[in-house]
Amino acid sequence: RRAGQFTFSFKDIMSKFDDDLEFVTELFDDYLDSMRESLRVVIEKWSKVKGASSIDTGDETLLALKNESHKMKGSSGNLSVMDLMLPCAILQHNADILHQESGTGLNLATD
C-alpha cells in the first residue's frame, strides 16, 4: 500500500447500505468533502495550539480541534475506514486532554 492510501471493506459498506451503489458513492463523495474541510480546520487550529505558550480553559481553538477530530473519527467509523478512524481518535483524545488541562496553566511551549 502506498502512502496516502487507506483501506476499507467495500463488501461491508455495501451490505451496511443494502447494496445501494449510488447511495454509497454519494456517501463517499460527501465523506471526502467533509474530511477535506475538517483537515483544513484541524491544521489551522493545531498550528495555533502548537505555537502557543499557554491556552485558557475556554479557548475555542482546542474545542474546535476536539470537535473536528470527533467528527472525522465518527465519519470514518460510519464508513468503516478504520485506517483513518484510529488517528482521528488519537487526535480527539489528545485535544480533549489539552482542553481539560488548559485551565491548570499548562505550558505548551517546547524547548
Protein backbone atom coordinates (compact mmCIF):
# COMPACT_ATOMS: atom_id res chain seq x y z
CA ARG A 1 0.00 0.00 0.00
CA ARG A 2 1.31 3.44 -0.90
CA ALA A 3 1.40 6.44 1.44
CA GLY A 4 -1.80 8.42 1.37
CA GLN A 5 -3.97 5.39 0.64
CA PHE A 6 -6.40 3.82 3.07
CA THR A 7 -8.28 0.57 3.12
CA PHE A 8 -11.87 -0.31 3.84
CA SER A 9 -14.16 -3.25 3.17
CA PHE A 10 -16.32 -2.40 0.19
CA LYS A 11 -18.36 -5.54 0.82
CA ASP A 12 -19.10 -4.47 4.42
CA ILE A 13 -20.08 -0.98 3.35
CA MET A 14 -22.33 -2.22 0.58
CA SER A 15 -24.07 -4.68 2.91
CA LYS A 16 -24.48 -1.94 5.53
CA PHE A 17 -26.38 0.14 2.96
CA ASP A 18 -28.41 -2.61 1.23
CA ASP A 19 -26.06 -2.83 -1.78
CA ASP A 20 -27.14 0.62 -2.97
CA LEU A 21 -24.11 1.64 -5.03
CA GLU A 22 -25.49 5.08 -5.90
CA PHE A 23 -26.09 5.86 -2.22
CA VAL A 24 -22.66 4.55 -1.16
CA THR A 25 -21.00 6.60 -3.90
CA GLU A 26 -22.80 9.71 -2.68
CA LEU A 27 -21.81 8.93 0.92
CA PHE A 28 -18.14 8.69 -0.04
CA ASP A 29 -18.31 11.90 -2.05
CA ASP A 30 -19.78 13.66 0.98
CA TYR A 31 -17.25 11.96 3.28
CA LEU A 32 -14.28 13.13 1.21
CA ASP A 33 -15.63 16.69 1.02
CA SER A 34 -16.22 16.72 4.77
CA MET A 35 -12.77 15.28 5.51
CA ARG A 36 -11.07 17.93 3.34
CA GLU A 37 -12.81 20.71 5.27
CA SER A 38 -12.18 19.05 8.64
CA LEU A 39 -8.49 18.58 7.85
CA ARG A 40 -8.24 22.25 6.87
CA VAL A 41 -9.76 23.23 10.24
CA VAL A 42 -7.58 20.78 12.19
CA ILE A 43 -4.40 22.06 10.52
CA GLU A 44 -5.39 25.65 11.17
CA LYS A 45 -6.30 25.04 14.82
CA TRP A 46 -3.30 22.80 15.50
CA SER A 47 -0.93 25.47 14.19
CA LYS A 48 -2.41 27.88 16.76
CA VAL A 49 -2.06 25.33 19.58
CA LYS A 50 1.46 24.36 18.55
CA GLY A 51 2.64 27.97 18.55
CA ALA A 52 1.00 28.91 21.87
CA SER A 53 2.83 29.16 25.18
CA SER A 54 -0.36 28.56 27.17
CA ILE A 55 -4.05 28.14 26.49
CA ASP A 56 -7.01 29.21 28.58
CA THR A 57 -9.72 26.72 29.57
CA GLY A 58 -12.38 28.38 27.46
CA ASP A 59 -10.19 28.56 24.41
CA GLU A 60 -12.30 27.86 21.35
CA THR A 61 -9.28 26.64 19.40
CA LEU A 62 -8.95 23.48 21.49
CA LEU A 63 -12.68 22.91 21.48
CA ALA A 64 -12.79 23.26 17.69
CA LEU A 65 -9.86 20.85 17.36
CA LYS A 66 -11.59 18.35 19.62
CA ASN A 67 -14.92 18.67 17.78
CA GLU A 68 -13.42 18.36 14.30
CA SER A 69 -11.39 15.30 15.25
CA HIS A 70 -14.52 13.75 16.79
CA LYS A 71 -16.45 14.42 13.57
CA MET A 72 -13.65 12.88 11.49
CA LYS A 73 -13.49 9.83 13.75
CA GLY A 74 -17.24 9.28 13.56
CA SER A 75 -17.46 9.74 9.81
CA SER A 76 -14.57 7.34 9.27
CA GLY A 77 -16.10 4.77 11.59
CA ASN A 78 -19.51 5.01 9.93
CA LEU A 79 -17.94 4.13 6.60
CA SER A 80 -15.58 1.52 8.12
CA VAL A 81 -12.46 3.49 7.12
CA MET A 82 -10.54 2.21 10.11
CA ASP A 83 -7.14 3.38 8.82
CA LEU A 84 -8.35 6.95 9.40
CA MET A 85 -10.61 6.33 12.37
CA LEU A 86 -7.75 5.43 14.75
CA PRO A 87 -5.59 8.52 14.07
CA CYS A 88 -8.69 10.70 14.42
CA ALA A 89 -9.49 9.03 17.76
CA ILE A 90 -5.95 9.71 18.97
CA LEU A 91 -6.19 13.34 17.86
CA GLN A 92 -9.53 13.71 19.63
CA HIS A 93 -8.12 12.15 22.80
CA ASN A 94 -5.08 14.44 22.81
CA ALA A 95 -7.19 17.53 22.11
CA ASP A 96 -9.52 16.53 24.93
CA ILE A 97 -6.60 16.17 27.37
CA LEU A 98 -5.22 19.57 26.37
CA HIS A 99 -8.67 21.12 26.69
CA GLN A 100 -9.15 19.63 30.18
CA GLU A 101 -5.68 20.61 31.37
CA SER A 102 -5.63 24.06 29.82
CA GLY A 103 -7.20 25.60 32.92
CA THR A 104 -4.26 24.47 35.06
CA GLY A 105 -1.81 26.84 33.38
CA LEU A 106 -0.41 24.08 31.18
CA ASN A 107 2.70 25.32 29.42
CA LEU A 108 2.66 24.18 25.80
CA ALA A 109 5.98 25.76 24.84
CA THR A 110 8.68 23.35 23.77
CA ASP A 111 12.39 23.76 24.36
